[in-house]
Each structure stands twice: as structure tokens, then as C-alpha cells.
Amino acid sequence: MTLKMYGLDRSAHELVAKFCPKGVLNKTHDMRTTATFGLERFFGEYLRLKDKESEYWKETWDEFVKIMNSVGITVPTLTTGTQANSTTIRQVIDDLWNEDKFPKATRKIALAVLIQLCDNMVWWAQRYKKFEPPKSSNTNSNNTQEEVTSHV
């Protein structure tokens, strides 16, 4: 096997730069952690999230699949235009675990690439963090933090 430059740092930068204005860069650390649990866990995570967080995960997965395709490795995933439902999701997960469709050696390579992509994204997220929009907080007319009381 020869060395193949995957362009991971460029892809990581593009994803982080695109999603920085949406205020979701903290999810980058979650992606890195989830990647170590396996491809199927990473794939499924965007399904439970909502809005821009889900979009960030989904676009990261899609970019990963594109990177792997560029080196001749086809990662099982939902095809473009396929509606995610219990049947299609189960098929993708089954294919990710199927030794004939996605051999263990190929899975190991793909997982290493995904982890490295996430590592690069964490690095870029740390550089872009100060450019994220500020978190909204409850402020009153005096521009001071309102006290939130909880009733037990």
C-alpha cells in the first residue's frame, strides 16, 4: 500500500470554518470522542441531534465518505436522496458490520481516517473558537445577568 494524501487538514478546516458562525464548534470534541466508538456510532449521531448540530455531524460524515471514496474505499452510507428511517439506517449499520461488504481491514483504515479528520477538526476549532457568536444569555434592561431561581 502506498501513501495517499487524504487532504484531511483542508477538509477539517473547511468544515470548522463553515460551521463556526453557527456556534456549534463544541460538538467537534464530541465527534472526536464518538469516533473512537466506531463508524456506526459516528454515522448514527446526526440522527439524534437537531438543527445545526445535526447538520454539522452529517456534513462531517459526508465529507469523510467523500475522502474515502477518493482513495477507492466505499463506506456504507445513505445514498443521496434516501430518507433516513429505521429500515435504511439499519441497512447502513448492517453494511458497516458486514465482513463481506466492508472487511475488517478496510474498517480499520476508515476508522483511523475518521479519527484523524476529527483530530484535525478539534485543532481548527480551537483556533476558530474566539470567532464564534457569543452564547445568548438572559439579560435585563440594565444589561446584567438575571438570576434564575429553581424551585425544589
N, C-alpha and C. Protein backbone atom coordinates (compact mmCIF):
# COMPACT_ATOMS: atom_id res chain seq x y z
N MET A 1 0.85 -1.17 0.00
CA MET A 1 0.00 0.00 0.00
C MET A 1 0.90 1.23 0.00
N THR A 2 0.58 2.21 -0.81
CA THR A 2 1.37 3.43 -0.89
C THR A 2 0.70 4.54 -0.09
N LEU A 3 1.51 5.53 0.24
CA LEU A 3 1.00 6.67 0.98
C LEU A 3 0.02 7.45 0.11
N LYS A 4 -1.11 7.76 0.65
CA LYS A 4 -2.11 8.55 -0.06
C LYS A 4 -2.42 9.77 0.80
N MET A 5 -2.27 10.94 0.23
CA MET A 5 -2.60 12.16 0.95
C MET A 5 -4.11 12.36 0.88
N TYR A 6 -4.75 12.34 2.01
CA TYR A 6 -6.20 12.43 2.08
C TYR A 6 -6.71 13.87 2.07
N GLY A 7 -5.86 14.83 2.35
CA GLY A 7 -6.32 16.21 2.43
C GLY A 7 -7.18 16.45 3.66
N LEU A 8 -6.90 15.72 4.73
CA LEU A 8 -7.74 15.80 5.93
C LEU A 8 -7.72 17.18 6.58
N ASP A 9 -6.55 17.80 6.62
CA ASP A 9 -6.47 19.09 7.29
C ASP A 9 -7.28 20.14 6.53
N ARG A 10 -7.23 20.10 5.23
CA ARG A 10 -8.02 21.04 4.43
C ARG A 10 -9.52 20.80 4.64
N SER A 11 -9.93 19.54 4.60
CA SER A 11 -11.35 19.22 4.83
C SER A 11 -11.79 19.65 6.22
N ALA A 12 -10.94 19.38 7.21
CA ALA A 12 -11.25 19.77 8.59
C ALA A 12 -11.41 21.28 8.69
N HIS A 13 -10.49 22.00 8.10
CA HIS A 13 -10.56 23.46 8.14
C HIS A 13 -11.84 23.96 7.49
N GLU A 14 -12.18 23.42 6.33
CA GLU A 14 -13.38 23.88 5.63
C GLU A 14 -14.64 23.64 6.46
N LEU A 15 -14.73 22.49 7.10
CA LEU A 15 -15.90 22.19 7.94
C LEU A 15 -15.99 23.14 9.13
N VAL A 16 -14.87 23.32 9.82
CA VAL A 16 -14.86 24.19 11.00
C VAL A 16 -15.16 25.63 10.60
N ALA A 17 -14.54 26.11 9.54
CA ALA A 17 -14.77 27.49 9.10
C ALA A 17 -16.24 27.70 8.70
N LYS A 18 -16.83 26.71 8.07
CA LYS A 18 -18.22 26.83 7.64
C LYS A 18 -19.17 26.88 8.84
N PHE A 19 -18.90 26.06 9.85
CA PHE A 19 -19.83 25.96 10.97
C PHE A 19 -19.50 26.87 12.14
N CYS A 20 -18.38 27.56 12.11
CA CYS A 20 -18.03 28.50 13.18
C CYS A 20 -19.13 29.54 13.41
N PRO A 21 -19.66 30.18 12.36
CA PRO A 21 -20.71 31.19 12.59
C PRO A 21 -22.00 30.61 13.18
N LYS A 22 -22.15 29.30 13.12
CA LYS A 22 -23.38 28.68 13.63
C LYS A 22 -23.28 28.33 15.11
N GLY A 23 -22.09 28.52 15.71
CA GLY A 23 -21.94 28.32 17.15
C GLY A 23 -21.97 26.88 17.61
N VAL A 24 -21.46 25.96 16.80
CA VAL A 24 -21.53 24.54 17.17
C VAL A 24 -20.15 23.89 17.31
N LEU A 25 -19.10 24.68 17.42
CA LEU A 25 -17.76 24.10 17.43
C LEU A 25 -17.50 23.19 18.63
N ASN A 26 -18.22 23.36 19.74
CA ASN A 26 -18.03 22.44 20.87
C ASN A 26 -18.36 21.00 20.48
N LYS A 27 -19.21 20.82 19.48
CA LYS A 27 -19.56 19.47 19.02
C LYS A 27 -18.36 18.76 18.40
N THR A 28 -17.35 19.51 18.00
CA THR A 28 -16.16 18.91 17.41
C THR A 28 -15.50 17.95 18.39
N HIS A 29 -15.44 18.32 19.65
CA HIS A 29 -14.85 17.45 20.67
C HIS A 29 -15.70 16.19 20.85
N ASP A 30 -17.01 16.35 20.78
CA ASP A 30 -17.91 15.19 20.86
C ASP A 30 -17.68 14.24 19.68
N MET A 31 -17.45 14.83 18.50
CA MET A 31 -17.19 14.00 17.32
C MET A 31 -15.94 13.15 17.53
N ARG A 32 -14.89 13.78 18.03
CA ARG A 32 -13.62 13.06 18.24
C ARG A 32 -13.82 11.91 19.23
N THR A 33 -14.57 12.16 20.27
CA THR A 33 -14.83 11.12 21.27
C THR A 33 -15.67 10.00 20.67
N THR A 34 -16.70 10.35 19.94
CA THR A 34 -17.60 9.36 19.36
C THR A 34 -16.90 8.52 18.29
N ALA A 35 -15.98 9.11 17.56
CA ALA A 35 -15.28 8.37 16.51
C ALA A 35 -14.58 7.14 17.06
N THR A 36 -14.08 7.23 18.29
CA THR A 36 -13.36 6.08 18.86
C THR A 36 -14.29 4.90 19.16
N PHE A 37 -15.59 5.15 19.23
CA PHE A 37 -16.54 4.08 19.48
C PHE A 37 -16.91 3.31 18.22
N GLY A 38 -16.58 3.86 17.06
CA GLY A 38 -16.82 3.13 15.82
C GLY A 38 -17.56 3.95 14.79
N LEU A 39 -17.45 3.49 13.55
CA LEU A 39 -18.07 4.18 12.42
C LEU A 39 -19.58 4.24 12.56
N GLU A 40 -20.17 3.13 13.02
CA GLU A 40 -21.63 3.07 13.12
C GLU A 40 -22.16 4.07 14.14
N ARG A 41 -21.43 4.28 15.22
CA ARG A 41 -21.85 5.25 16.23
C ARG A 41 -21.75 6.66 15.68
N PHE A 42 -20.66 6.93 14.98
CA PHE A 42 -20.49 8.27 14.40
C PHE A 42 -21.58 8.54 13.37
N PHE A 43 -21.83 7.57 12.50
CA PHE A 43 -22.86 7.72 11.47
C PHE A 43 -24.21 8.04 12.09
N GLY A 44 -24.58 7.34 13.14
CA GLY A 44 -25.91 7.48 13.72
C GLY A 44 -26.12 8.72 14.57
N GLU A 45 -25.05 9.39 14.94
CA GLU A 45 -25.18 10.51 15.88
C GLU A 45 -25.98 11.68 15.31
N TYR A 46 -25.84 11.97 14.04
CA TYR A 46 -26.58 13.12 13.49
C TYR A 46 -28.09 12.90 13.53
N LEU A 47 -28.50 11.64 13.61
CA LEU A 47 -29.92 11.32 13.61
C LEU A 47 -30.62 11.75 14.91
N ARG A 48 -29.88 11.77 16.01
CA ARG A 48 -30.49 12.14 17.29
C ARG A 48 -30.40 13.63 17.58
N LEU A 49 -29.50 14.31 16.88
CA LEU A 49 -29.33 15.75 17.10
C LEU A 49 -30.33 16.54 16.28
N LYS A 50 -30.38 17.82 16.53
CA LYS A 50 -31.32 18.69 15.83
C LYS A 50 -30.59 19.86 15.18
N ASP A 51 -31.22 20.39 14.15
CA ASP A 51 -30.83 21.64 13.51
C ASP A 51 -29.36 21.68 13.12
N LYS A 52 -28.67 22.76 13.51
CA LYS A 52 -27.31 22.99 13.05
C LYS A 52 -26.31 21.98 13.60
N GLU A 53 -26.56 21.43 14.78
CA GLU A 53 -25.68 20.39 15.30
C GLU A 53 -25.76 19.15 14.44
N SER A 54 -26.96 18.76 14.10
CA SER A 54 -27.17 17.60 13.22
C SER A 54 -26.53 17.84 11.86
N GLU A 55 -26.69 19.04 11.35
CA GLU A 55 -26.12 19.39 10.04
C GLU A 55 -24.59 19.29 10.07
N TYR A 56 -23.97 19.74 11.17
CA TYR A 56 -22.52 19.69 11.33
C TYR A 56 -22.03 18.23 11.31
N TRP A 57 -22.69 17.37 12.07
CA TRP A 57 -22.32 15.95 12.10
C TRP A 57 -22.52 15.31 10.73
N LYS A 58 -23.66 15.58 10.12
CA LYS A 58 -23.98 14.97 8.82
C LYS A 58 -22.98 15.40 7.76
N GLU A 59 -22.65 16.68 7.71
CA GLU A 59 -21.69 17.15 6.72
C GLU A 59 -20.29 16.60 6.98
N THR A 60 -19.95 16.40 8.25
CA THR A 60 -18.66 15.78 8.57
C THR A 60 -18.64 14.34 8.07
N TRP A 61 -19.72 13.59 8.33
CA TRP A 61 -19.81 12.21 7.84
C TRP A 61 -19.73 12.18 6.31
N ASP A 62 -20.47 13.04 5.65
CA ASP A 62 -20.48 13.08 4.19
C ASP A 62 -19.09 13.40 3.64
N GLU A 63 -18.38 14.32 4.28
CA GLU A 63 -17.02 14.66 3.85
C GLU A 63 -16.09 13.46 4.05
N PHE A 64 -16.23 12.78 5.17
CA PHE A 64 -15.44 11.57 5.43
C PHE A 64 -15.69 10.52 4.34
N VAL A 65 -16.95 10.29 3.99
CA VAL A 65 -17.30 9.32 2.95
C VAL A 65 -16.67 9.74 1.61
N LYS A 66 -16.71 11.04 1.33
CA LYS A 66 -16.12 11.56 0.09
C LYS A 66 -14.60 11.34 0.07
N ILE A 67 -13.95 11.59 1.19
CA ILE A 67 -12.50 11.37 1.30
C ILE A 67 -12.18 9.90 1.04
N MET A 68 -12.92 9.02 1.66
CA MET A 68 -12.66 7.59 1.49
C MET A 68 -12.93 7.15 0.04
N ASN A 69 -13.97 7.69 -0.56
CA ASN A 69 -14.25 7.37 -1.96
C ASN A 69 -13.09 7.80 -2.86
N SER A 70 -12.46 8.91 -2.52
CA SER A 70 -11.36 9.42 -3.35
C SER A 70 -10.15 8.49 -3.37
N VAL A 71 -10.06 7.59 -2.40
CA VAL A 71 -8.95 6.63 -2.37
C VAL A 71 -9.42 5.21 -2.67
N GLY A 72 -10.65 5.10 -3.16
CA GLY A 72 -11.15 3.80 -3.58
C GLY A 72 -11.82 2.96 -2.51
N ILE A 73 -12.13 3.55 -1.38
CA ILE A 73 -12.83 2.82 -0.31
C ILE A 73 -14.26 3.34 -0.24
N THR A 74 -15.21 2.46 -0.44
CA THR A 74 -16.62 2.83 -0.38
C THR A 74 -17.15 2.52 1.00
N VAL A 75 -17.49 3.57 1.73
CA VAL A 75 -18.03 3.42 3.08
C VAL A 75 -19.55 3.33 2.96
N PRO A 76 -20.15 2.30 3.56
CA PRO A 76 -21.62 2.21 3.54
C PRO A 76 -22.24 3.46 4.16
N THR A 77 -23.22 4.02 3.50
CA THR A 77 -23.91 5.21 3.98
C THR A 77 -25.24 5.33 3.26
N LEU A 78 -26.06 6.26 3.69
CA LEU A 78 -27.30 6.53 2.98
C LEU A 78 -26.96 7.21 1.66
N THR A 79 -27.56 6.75 0.59
CA THR A 79 -27.33 7.40 -0.68
C THR A 79 -28.08 8.72 -0.71
N THR A 80 -27.55 9.65 -1.48
CA THR A 80 -28.17 10.97 -1.59
C THR A 80 -29.62 10.84 -1.99
N GLY A 81 -30.47 11.51 -1.26
CA GLY A 81 -31.90 11.48 -1.54
C GLY A 81 -32.66 10.39 -0.81
N THR A 82 -31.95 9.49 -0.15
CA THR A 82 -32.60 8.43 0.60
C THR A 82 -33.09 8.98 1.94
N GLN A 83 -34.33 8.73 2.25
CA GLN A 83 -34.90 9.18 3.52
C GLN A 83 -34.41 8.28 4.66
N ALA A 84 -33.92 8.90 5.73
CA ALA A 84 -33.48 8.13 6.89
C ALA A 84 -34.72 7.61 7.63
N ASN A 85 -34.80 6.30 7.76
CA ASN A 85 -35.86 5.68 8.55
C ASN A 85 -35.27 4.42 9.17
N SER A 86 -36.05 3.71 9.94
CA SER A 86 -35.49 2.55 10.66
C SER A 86 -34.93 1.48 9.71
N THR A 87 -35.52 1.34 8.55
CA THR A 87 -35.05 0.33 7.59
C THR A 87 -33.74 0.76 6.95
N THR A 88 -33.67 2.00 6.47
CA THR A 88 -32.45 2.44 5.78
C THR A 88 -31.27 2.59 6.75
N ILE A 89 -31.56 3.04 7.96
CA ILE A 89 -30.49 3.17 8.95
C ILE A 89 -29.95 1.79 9.32
N ARG A 90 -30.85 0.86 9.54
CA ARG A 90 -30.41 -0.50 9.88
C ARG A 90 -29.57 -1.10 8.77
N GLN A 91 -29.93 -0.83 7.51
CA GLN A 91 -29.16 -1.36 6.39
C GLN A 91 -27.74 -0.81 6.39
N VAL A 92 -27.60 0.49 6.63
CA VAL A 92 -26.26 1.09 6.67
C VAL A 92 -25.44 0.47 7.80
N ILE A 93 -26.04 0.35 8.97
CA ILE A 93 -25.32 -0.23 10.11
C ILE A 93 -24.93 -1.68 9.83
N ASP A 94 -25.87 -2.45 9.29
CA ASP A 94 -25.56 -3.84 8.93
C ASP A 94 -24.41 -3.92 7.93
N ASP A 95 -24.42 -3.01 6.94
CA ASP A 95 -23.35 -3.00 5.94
C ASP A 95 -22.01 -2.61 6.56
N LEU A 96 -22.02 -1.68 7.51
CA LEU A 96 -20.78 -1.30 8.19
C LEU A 96 -20.19 -2.48 8.97
N TRP A 97 -21.04 -3.36 9.46
CA TRP A 97 -20.59 -4.51 10.24
C TRP A 97 -20.38 -5.76 9.39
N ASN A 98 -20.80 -5.75 8.13
CA ASN A 98 -20.75 -6.92 7.27
C ASN A 98 -19.33 -7.12 6.72
N GLU A 99 -18.72 -8.23 7.10
CA GLU A 99 -17.35 -8.53 6.70
C GLU A 99 -17.19 -8.65 5.19
N ASP A 100 -18.22 -9.12 4.49
CA ASP A 100 -18.13 -9.25 3.03
C ASP A 100 -18.24 -7.89 2.33
N LYS A 101 -19.10 -7.03 2.84
CA LYS A 101 -19.32 -5.72 2.21
C LYS A 101 -18.28 -4.68 2.65
N PHE A 102 -17.80 -4.81 3.86
CA PHE A 102 -16.87 -3.83 4.42
C PHE A 102 -15.89 -4.57 5.33
N PRO A 103 -14.85 -5.17 4.74
CA PRO A 103 -13.92 -6.02 5.50
C PRO A 103 -13.27 -5.29 6.69
N LYS A 104 -12.90 -6.08 7.67
CA LYS A 104 -12.34 -5.55 8.91
C LYS A 104 -11.11 -4.67 8.66
N ALA A 105 -10.23 -5.08 7.76
CA ALA A 105 -9.03 -4.28 7.46
C ALA A 105 -9.43 -2.92 6.89
N THR A 106 -10.43 -2.90 6.05
CA THR A 106 -10.92 -1.64 5.46
C THR A 106 -11.57 -0.78 6.53
N ARG A 107 -12.32 -1.40 7.44
CA ARG A 107 -12.94 -0.67 8.55
C ARG A 107 -11.88 0.01 9.41
N LYS A 108 -10.79 -0.70 9.67
CA LYS A 108 -9.72 -0.13 10.49
C LYS A 108 -9.09 1.09 9.83
N ILE A 109 -8.88 1.01 8.53
CA ILE A 109 -8.33 2.16 7.79
C ILE A 109 -9.31 3.32 7.85
N ALA A 110 -10.58 3.03 7.57
CA ALA A 110 -11.60 4.08 7.57
C ALA A 110 -11.72 4.73 8.94
N LEU A 111 -11.70 3.93 9.98
CA LEU A 111 -11.81 4.47 11.34
C LEU A 111 -10.61 5.35 11.67
N ALA A 112 -9.41 4.92 11.27
CA ALA A 112 -8.22 5.74 11.51
C ALA A 112 -8.32 7.08 10.79
N VAL A 113 -8.84 7.07 9.58
CA VAL A 113 -9.01 8.32 8.83
C VAL A 113 -10.05 9.21 9.51
N LEU A 114 -11.16 8.64 9.94
CA LEU A 114 -12.19 9.42 10.62
C LEU A 114 -11.64 10.04 11.90
N ILE A 115 -10.92 9.28 12.68
CA ILE A 115 -10.35 9.80 13.92
C ILE A 115 -9.37 10.93 13.62
N GLN A 116 -8.55 10.76 12.59
CA GLN A 116 -7.60 11.82 12.25
C GLN A 116 -8.32 13.07 11.73
N LEU A 117 -9.39 12.88 10.95
CA LEU A 117 -10.19 14.02 10.50
C LEU A 117 -10.74 14.78 11.71
N CYS A 118 -11.26 14.05 12.68
CA CYS A 118 -11.80 14.68 13.89
C CYS A 118 -10.70 15.37 14.70
N ASP A 119 -9.52 14.75 14.80
CA ASP A 119 -8.40 15.39 15.49
C ASP A 119 -8.06 16.73 14.83
N ASN A 120 -8.03 16.74 13.50
CA ASN A 120 -7.74 17.97 12.78
C ASN A 120 -8.84 19.00 13.00
N MET A 121 -10.08 18.56 13.06
CA MET A 121 -11.20 19.47 13.31
C MET A 121 -11.09 20.09 14.70
N VAL A 122 -10.69 19.30 15.69
CA VAL A 122 -10.51 19.82 17.04
C VAL A 122 -9.43 20.91 17.02
N TRP A 123 -8.34 20.65 16.33
CA TRP A 123 -7.26 21.63 16.25
C TRP A 123 -7.78 22.93 15.66
N TRP A 124 -8.51 22.86 14.54
CA TRP A 124 -9.04 24.07 13.90
C TRP A 124 -10.12 24.73 14.76
N ALA A 125 -10.94 23.94 15.41
CA ALA A 125 -11.99 24.50 16.26
C ALA A 125 -11.38 25.33 17.39
N GLN A 126 -10.25 24.89 17.92
CA GLN A 126 -9.59 25.65 18.98
C GLN A 126 -9.10 27.00 18.46
N ARG A 127 -8.74 27.08 17.19
CA ARG A 127 -8.29 28.35 16.60
C ARG A 127 -9.47 29.26 16.26
N TYR A 128 -10.59 28.68 15.87
CA TYR A 128 -11.76 29.46 15.46
C TYR A 128 -12.69 29.81 16.62
N LYS A 129 -12.50 29.19 17.76
CA LYS A 129 -13.43 29.33 18.89
C LYS A 129 -13.73 30.79 19.23
N LYS A 130 -12.73 31.64 19.20
CA LYS A 130 -12.96 33.03 19.59
C LYS A 130 -13.79 33.80 18.57
N PHE A 131 -14.03 33.23 17.41
CA PHE A 131 -14.83 33.90 16.38
C PHE A 131 -16.28 33.42 16.35
N GLU A 132 -16.61 32.47 17.22
CA GLU A 132 -17.99 32.00 17.29
C GLU A 132 -18.88 33.11 17.83
N PRO A 133 -20.15 33.09 17.44
CA PRO A 133 -21.06 34.08 18.02
C PRO A 133 -21.18 33.86 19.52
N PRO A 134 -21.36 34.93 20.29
CA PRO A 134 -21.49 34.75 21.74
C PRO A 134 -22.74 33.96 22.08
N LYS A 135 -22.64 33.21 23.15
CA LYS A 135 -23.79 32.44 23.63
C LYS A 135 -24.83 33.41 24.15
N SER A 136 -26.07 33.16 23.83
CA SER A 136 -27.13 34.06 24.33
C SER A 136 -27.33 33.81 25.81
N SER A 137 -27.61 34.89 26.52
CA SER A 137 -27.89 34.78 27.95
C SER A 137 -29.07 35.68 28.26
N ASN A 138 -29.72 35.39 29.33
CA ASN A 138 -30.85 36.21 29.76
C ASN A 138 -30.32 37.46 30.43
N THR A 139 -30.57 38.61 29.81
CA THR A 139 -30.15 39.86 30.43
C THR A 139 -31.35 40.77 30.58
N ASN A 140 -31.33 41.59 31.63
CA ASN A 140 -32.42 42.55 31.81
C ASN A 140 -32.02 43.89 31.19
N SER A 141 -32.83 44.91 31.36
CA SER A 141 -32.58 46.20 30.73
C SER A 141 -31.31 46.88 31.22
N ASN A 142 -30.82 46.49 32.41
CA ASN A 142 -29.58 47.06 32.93
C ASN A 142 -28.35 46.31 32.43
N ASN A 143 -28.59 45.37 31.51
CA ASN A 143 -27.53 44.58 30.90
C ASN A 143 -26.75 43.74 31.92
N THR A 144 -27.44 43.30 32.96
CA THR A 144 -26.83 42.42 33.94
C THR A 144 -27.52 41.07 33.86
N GLN A 145 -26.81 40.07 34.28
CA GLN A 145 -27.33 38.71 34.26
C GLN A 145 -28.52 38.57 35.21
N GLU A 146 -29.62 38.03 34.71
CA GLU A 146 -30.77 37.79 35.57
C GLU A 146 -30.50 36.56 36.43
N GLU A 147 -31.01 36.61 37.62
CA GLU A 147 -30.93 35.44 38.47
C GLU A 147 -32.02 34.46 38.09
N VAL A 148 -31.64 33.24 38.01
CA VAL A 148 -32.62 32.19 37.73
C VAL A 148 -32.77 31.38 38.99
N THR A 149 -33.99 31.34 39.49
CA THR A 149 -34.21 30.57 40.70
C THR A 149 -34.91 29.27 40.34
N SER A 150 -34.56 28.26 41.04
CA SER A 150 -35.23 26.97 40.82
C SER A 150 -36.00 26.61 42.07
N HIS A 151 -37.11 25.99 41.85
CA HIS A 151 -37.94 25.55 42.97
C HIS A 151 -37.78 24.06 43.11
N VAL A 152 -37.46 23.65 44.32
CA VAL A 152 -37.23 22.24 44.56
C VAL A 152 -38.49 21.58 45.04
